[in-house]
């Protein structure tokens, strides 16, 4: 999938869904490498995206307690792949208050946790996974069925995340959307 292609989450959106776009982003990451053969796929991005399954990609609600976050990481890493990707939302700003809408820029953070011992030396290296996520999501338009709007994701950076148990990174994106 090129970065110009939209990601579309199909299916029903339930009224109690906190943020349907987060679920669309989550599902797109899961779907990105789901149907490829990692041994024959030529795209390094898709081979890397093949690592992320429904068990490893977790949306963290804004009011989640540290204990809930830690439990999510342990559960995902323990699924025999040694990998967990958390999706967290941040605050939003309106860069142009006079524009109709409003059009907002919201912070989105991904936290990638990797147990290198569990994954082994032949696994895709952590920094390659970070780069694959950034390439896959940068300038991607996310659409949800049943909603007349879309969001665009823009990569703003990454950095290592201190963690005593895992190799960890935080990746940041801006979500550009209109209400």
Protein backbone atom coordinates (compact mmCIF):
# COMPACT_ATOMS: atom_id res chain seq x y z
CA UNK A 1 0.00 0.00 0.00
CA UNK A 2 1.42 3.38 -0.92
CA UNK A 3 1.15 6.28 1.46
CA UNK A 4 -1.24 8.02 -0.95
CA UNK A 5 -3.80 5.22 -0.64
CA UNK A 6 -6.58 5.70 1.89
CA UNK A 7 -7.06 3.26 4.72
CA UNK A 8 -10.70 2.33 5.04
CA UNK A 9 -12.15 0.58 8.03
CA UNK A 10 -15.27 -1.24 6.95
CA UNK A 11 -17.97 -2.57 9.17
CA UNK A 12 -20.30 -1.16 11.72
CA UNK A 13 -19.29 1.60 14.10
CA UNK A 14 -20.93 1.27 17.48
CA UNK A 15 -22.15 4.40 19.31
CA UNK A 16 -20.09 3.56 22.39
CA UNK A 17 -16.85 3.49 20.41
CA UNK A 18 -14.64 6.12 22.02
CA UNK A 19 -12.84 7.04 18.82
CA UNK A 20 -13.74 5.14 15.63
CA UNK A 21 -10.65 6.52 13.89
CA UNK A 22 -8.37 4.84 16.42
CA UNK A 23 -10.03 1.52 15.68
CA UNK A 24 -9.67 2.19 11.93
CA UNK A 25 -5.96 2.94 12.38
CA UNK A 26 -5.54 -0.17 14.54
CA UNK A 27 -7.30 -2.37 12.01
CA UNK A 28 -5.30 -0.96 9.11
CA UNK A 29 -2.04 -1.85 10.87
CA UNK A 30 -3.33 -5.38 11.46
CA UNK A 31 -4.56 -5.72 7.87
CA UNK A 32 -1.45 -4.21 6.24
CA UNK A 33 0.62 -7.36 6.29
CA UNK A 34 -2.06 -9.95 7.01
CA UNK A 35 -2.34 -11.40 3.51
CA UNK A 36 1.31 -11.41 2.51
CA UNK A 37 3.87 -14.16 2.52
CA UNK A 38 6.80 -12.63 4.43
CA UNK A 39 9.23 -15.01 2.71
CA UNK A 40 8.36 -13.80 -0.80
CA UNK A 41 7.14 -10.22 -0.20
CA UNK A 42 9.57 -7.67 -1.70
CA UNK A 43 8.34 -4.65 0.28
CA UNK A 44 10.27 -4.33 3.53
CA UNK A 45 7.46 -2.19 4.95
CA UNK A 46 4.84 -4.89 4.36
CA UNK A 47 7.15 -7.63 5.66
CA UNK A 48 7.54 -5.56 8.82
CA UNK A 49 3.82 -4.80 9.07
CA UNK A 50 3.18 -8.56 8.89
CA UNK A 51 4.47 -8.71 12.49
CA UNK A 52 1.43 -6.88 13.89
CA UNK A 53 -1.64 -8.97 14.69
CA UNK A 54 -4.83 -8.18 16.58
CA UNK A 55 -3.23 -9.46 19.79
CA UNK A 56 -0.26 -7.09 19.49
CA UNK A 57 -1.99 -3.79 18.58
CA UNK A 58 -3.83 -2.28 21.54
CA UNK A 59 -5.76 0.98 21.87
CA UNK A 60 -5.26 2.60 25.27
CA UNK A 61 -8.12 4.79 26.45
CA UNK A 62 -7.16 8.23 27.82
CA UNK A 63 -8.22 7.39 31.37
CA UNK A 64 -6.44 4.02 31.55
CA UNK A 65 -4.50 3.42 34.75
CA UNK A 66 -0.83 2.48 34.65
CA UNK A 67 -1.73 -1.02 35.83
CA UNK A 68 -4.07 -1.48 32.84
CA UNK A 69 -1.37 -0.30 30.44
CA UNK A 70 1.23 -2.63 31.99
CA UNK A 71 -1.22 -5.55 31.79
CA UNK A 72 -1.87 -4.79 28.10
CA UNK A 73 1.85 -4.80 27.35
CA UNK A 74 2.44 -8.06 29.21
CA UNK A 75 -0.50 -9.77 27.50
CA UNK A 76 0.54 -8.67 23.99
CA UNK A 77 4.24 -9.43 24.44
CA UNK A 78 3.37 -12.81 25.95
CA UNK A 79 1.50 -13.94 22.83
CA UNK A 80 4.74 -15.65 21.71
CA UNK A 81 5.81 -12.83 19.44
CA UNK A 82 7.52 -10.55 21.95
CA UNK A 83 5.86 -7.51 20.45
CA UNK A 84 3.30 -4.92 21.60
CA UNK A 85 2.12 -1.72 19.92
CA UNK A 86 0.05 0.66 22.03
CA UNK A 87 -2.02 3.44 20.45
CA UNK A 88 -2.65 6.48 22.69
CA UNK A 89 -4.39 9.77 22.02
CA UNK A 90 -3.19 13.16 23.12
CA UNK A 91 -4.63 16.65 23.14
CA UNK A 92 -5.92 18.62 20.17
CA UNK A 93 -5.45 22.19 18.99
CA UNK A 94 -7.22 24.30 16.40
CA UNK A 95 -4.49 25.99 14.34
CA UNK A 96 -7.02 28.22 12.53
CA UNK A 97 -9.88 29.21 14.89
CA UNK A 98 -11.55 31.29 12.15
CA UNK A 99 -11.88 28.40 9.71
CA UNK A 100 -15.24 26.61 9.51
CA UNK A 101 -15.39 23.24 11.13
CA UNK A 102 -13.37 23.43 13.38
CA UNK A 103 -10.38 21.69 11.83
CA UNK A 104 -8.24 20.16 14.57
CA UNK A 105 -4.74 18.78 14.90
CA UNK A 106 -4.63 16.01 17.49
CA UNK A 107 -1.55 14.27 18.82
CA UNK A 108 -1.37 10.52 18.38
CA UNK A 109 1.29 8.39 20.01
CA UNK A 110 2.33 4.82 19.37
CA UNK A 111 4.48 2.98 21.90
CA UNK A 112 6.32 -0.06 20.60
CA UNK A 113 7.59 -2.63 23.13
CA UNK A 114 9.83 -5.48 22.00
CA UNK A 115 11.18 -8.42 23.96
CA UNK A 116 14.35 -9.13 21.96
CA UNK A 117 15.04 -12.40 23.80
CA UNK A 118 11.61 -13.77 22.95
CA UNK A 119 11.82 -12.63 19.32
CA UNK A 120 15.31 -13.98 18.72
CA UNK A 121 18.21 -12.73 16.59
CA UNK A 122 16.55 -13.51 13.22
CA UNK A 123 13.52 -11.27 13.91
CA UNK A 124 13.06 -7.90 12.25
CA UNK A 125 15.06 -5.39 14.25
CA UNK A 126 13.16 -2.86 16.42
CA UNK A 127 14.30 0.21 14.50
CA UNK A 128 13.15 -1.36 11.22
CA UNK A 129 9.71 -1.87 12.75
CA UNK A 130 9.67 1.79 13.83
CA UNK A 131 10.61 2.93 10.32
CA UNK A 132 8.02 0.63 8.72
CA UNK A 133 5.25 2.03 10.92
CA UNK A 134 6.29 5.60 10.15
CA UNK A 135 6.47 4.95 6.39
CA UNK A 136 3.17 3.09 6.37
CA UNK A 137 1.20 5.71 8.31
CA UNK A 138 2.81 8.99 7.12
CA UNK A 139 0.33 11.01 5.01
CA UNK A 140 -2.20 8.20 5.14
CA UNK A 141 -5.85 9.16 4.90
CA UNK A 142 -8.06 7.20 7.27
CA UNK A 143 -11.74 6.78 6.44
CA UNK A 144 -14.44 5.05 8.44
CA UNK A 145 -17.53 3.62 6.74
CA UNK A 146 -20.63 5.58 7.61
CA UNK A 147 -18.78 8.82 8.38
CA UNK A 148 -18.52 11.67 5.84
CA UNK A 149 -15.04 12.72 6.92
CA UNK A 150 -11.53 11.40 6.99
CA UNK A 151 -8.33 12.09 8.86
CA UNK A 152 -4.78 12.38 7.63
CA UNK A 153 -1.86 11.16 9.70
CA UNK A 154 1.48 12.94 9.60
CA UNK A 155 4.60 11.48 11.21
CA UNK A 156 6.28 13.97 13.55
CA UNK A 157 9.05 11.83 15.02
CA UNK A 158 10.19 8.99 17.24
CA UNK A 159 12.52 8.42 20.13
CA UNK A 160 13.64 5.60 22.36
CA UNK A 161 11.52 5.03 25.42
CA UNK A 162 13.34 4.02 28.62
CA UNK A 163 12.08 0.67 29.84
CA UNK A 164 13.91 -1.83 32.06
CA UNK A 165 12.34 -4.91 30.43
CA UNK A 166 11.93 -4.12 26.74
CA UNK A 167 13.44 -2.32 23.80
CA UNK A 168 10.87 0.46 23.46
CA UNK A 169 10.14 3.41 21.21
CA UNK A 170 7.54 6.13 21.10
CA UNK A 171 6.35 7.31 17.68
CA UNK A 172 4.38 10.53 17.33
CA UNK A 173 1.90 11.60 14.68
CA UNK A 174 -0.49 14.47 14.14
CA UNK A 175 -4.06 13.61 13.21
CA UNK A 176 -5.59 16.28 11.02
CA UNK A 177 -9.40 16.17 11.10
CA UNK A 178 -12.50 18.29 10.94
CA UNK A 179 -15.50 18.07 13.28
